Amino acid sequence: MQVETDAERLAMLEGMPGLGSVTATAAAGTFSALFDREYVELSLGGIQVADSSPALLCLESDVDRLAIVRGAALSIEGEGEFVVRVRADRPPNEGKGFTRLFLGKP
């Protein structure tokens, strides 16, 4: 199924409560997103390191509308307080209209 409009994208995000659908609050307002603690494995100088990196999958238009930038404070429903570390937009031909925000603790 190709998702073409923000209304369709929002319905998809809000329709996945079992997959981490949350309400996030930024300084300028609230928005819907999918919260994930992505599992990351790295090798640093021969030492294996594993971590869960919190991230939000959200509408690109919400991020732009609310002017969410690196360092912005976010409150995630049921998860706590975070700051945006990285905004990762997808290539135009892949997942158009969505943005992933990688988060850290303040």
Protein backbone atom coordinates (compact mmCIF):
# COMPACT_ATOMS: atom_id res chain seq x y z
CA MET A 1 0.00 0.00 0.00
CA GLN A 2 1.42 3.36 -1.03
CA VAL A 3 0.79 6.13 1.48
CA GLU A 4 0.39 9.46 -0.32
CA THR A 5 -1.01 12.06 2.08
CA ASP A 6 -0.21 13.25 5.59
CA ALA A 7 -3.72 12.17 6.65
CA GLU A 8 -2.97 8.60 5.50
CA ARG A 9 0.47 8.68 7.13
CA LEU A 10 -1.01 9.94 10.41
CA ALA A 11 -3.70 7.22 10.37
CA MET A 12 -0.94 4.65 9.92
CA LEU A 13 1.09 6.01 12.86
CA GLU A 14 -1.90 6.29 15.19
CA GLY A 15 -3.22 2.86 14.19
CA MET A 16 -0.25 0.95 15.60
CA PRO A 17 -0.58 1.08 19.41
CA GLY A 18 1.01 -2.35 19.81
CA LEU A 19 3.99 -1.19 17.79
CA GLY A 20 4.81 1.86 19.91
CA SER A 21 2.34 4.52 18.75
CA VAL A 22 2.80 7.50 21.11
CA THR A 23 2.05 11.18 21.48
CA ALA A 24 5.14 13.35 21.67
CA THR A 25 5.27 16.92 22.94
CA ALA A 26 7.68 19.58 21.69
CA ALA A 27 7.87 23.23 22.77
CA ALA A 28 5.48 24.26 19.96
CA GLY A 29 2.91 21.45 20.25
CA THR A 30 2.15 17.73 20.11
CA PHE A 31 2.40 15.13 17.36
CA SER A 32 1.89 11.40 16.82
CA ALA A 33 4.83 9.07 16.25
CA LEU A 34 6.10 5.52 16.58
CA PHE A 35 8.60 5.10 19.44
CA ASP A 36 11.29 2.48 19.08
CA ARG A 37 14.40 1.47 20.97
CA GLU A 38 16.39 0.27 17.98
CA TYR A 39 19.00 -2.37 18.80
CA VAL A 40 22.49 -1.33 17.68
CA GLU A 41 25.64 -3.48 17.74
CA LEU A 42 29.08 -1.93 17.21
CA SER A 43 32.63 -3.16 17.26
CA LEU A 44 35.00 -0.67 18.85
CA GLY A 45 38.65 -1.68 18.71
CA GLY A 46 37.75 -5.36 18.84
CA ILE A 47 35.24 -4.85 21.67
CA GLN A 48 31.58 -5.60 20.91
CA VAL A 49 29.18 -2.95 22.18
CA ALA A 50 25.38 -3.24 22.10
CA ASP A 51 22.87 -0.54 22.92
CA SER A 52 19.24 0.38 22.44
CA SER A 53 18.93 3.76 20.80
CA PRO A 54 15.55 5.46 21.26
CA ALA A 55 14.04 6.90 18.08
CA LEU A 56 10.77 8.31 16.77
CA LEU A 57 9.28 7.73 13.34
CA CYS A 58 7.08 10.74 12.64
CA LEU A 59 5.62 12.88 9.89
CA GLU A 60 8.15 15.13 8.21
CA SER A 61 5.48 17.86 8.10
CA ASP A 62 5.06 17.70 11.92
CA VAL A 63 8.81 18.04 12.46
CA ASP A 64 8.91 21.03 10.10
CA ARG A 65 5.69 22.61 11.49
CA LEU A 66 6.92 22.37 15.08
CA ALA A 67 10.48 23.43 14.13
CA ILE A 68 12.03 20.38 15.82
CA VAL A 69 15.79 20.57 15.41
CA ARG A 70 18.86 18.94 16.92
CA GLY A 71 18.89 19.63 20.67
CA ALA A 72 15.12 20.13 20.90
CA ALA A 73 13.49 18.78 24.07
CA LEU A 74 10.70 16.21 23.63
CA SER A 75 8.41 14.55 26.13
CA ILE A 76 7.34 11.09 24.95
CA GLU A 77 4.11 9.67 26.37
CA GLY A 78 4.92 6.78 28.70
CA GLU A 79 8.68 6.99 28.01
CA GLY A 80 9.94 10.23 29.56
CA GLU A 81 12.05 13.20 28.53
CA PHE A 82 14.48 13.18 25.60
CA VAL A 83 16.46 15.50 23.35
CA VAL A 84 16.82 15.15 19.58
CA ARG A 85 20.32 14.00 18.67
CA VAL A 86 19.88 13.42 14.91
CA ARG A 87 17.16 14.00 12.32
CA ALA A 88 17.35 11.39 9.56
CA ASP A 89 15.16 12.09 6.54
CA ARG A 90 14.73 9.18 4.16
CA PRO A 91 15.73 9.46 0.52
CA PRO A 92 12.90 10.98 -1.57
CA ASN A 93 11.98 7.67 -3.22
CA GLU A 94 11.85 5.72 0.04
CA GLY A 95 9.23 6.34 2.74
CA LYS A 96 8.32 9.80 1.49
CA GLY A 97 6.83 12.04 4.17
CA PHE A 98 8.40 10.34 7.21
CA THR A 99 11.35 11.41 9.36
CA ARG A 100 13.23 9.46 12.02
CA LEU A 101 14.44 11.37 15.09
CA PHE A 102 17.19 9.67 17.07
CA LEU A 103 16.95 10.63 20.73
CA GLY A 104 19.10 10.81 23.83
CA LYS A 105 18.58 11.65 27.47
CA PRO A 106 18.90 15.34 28.43
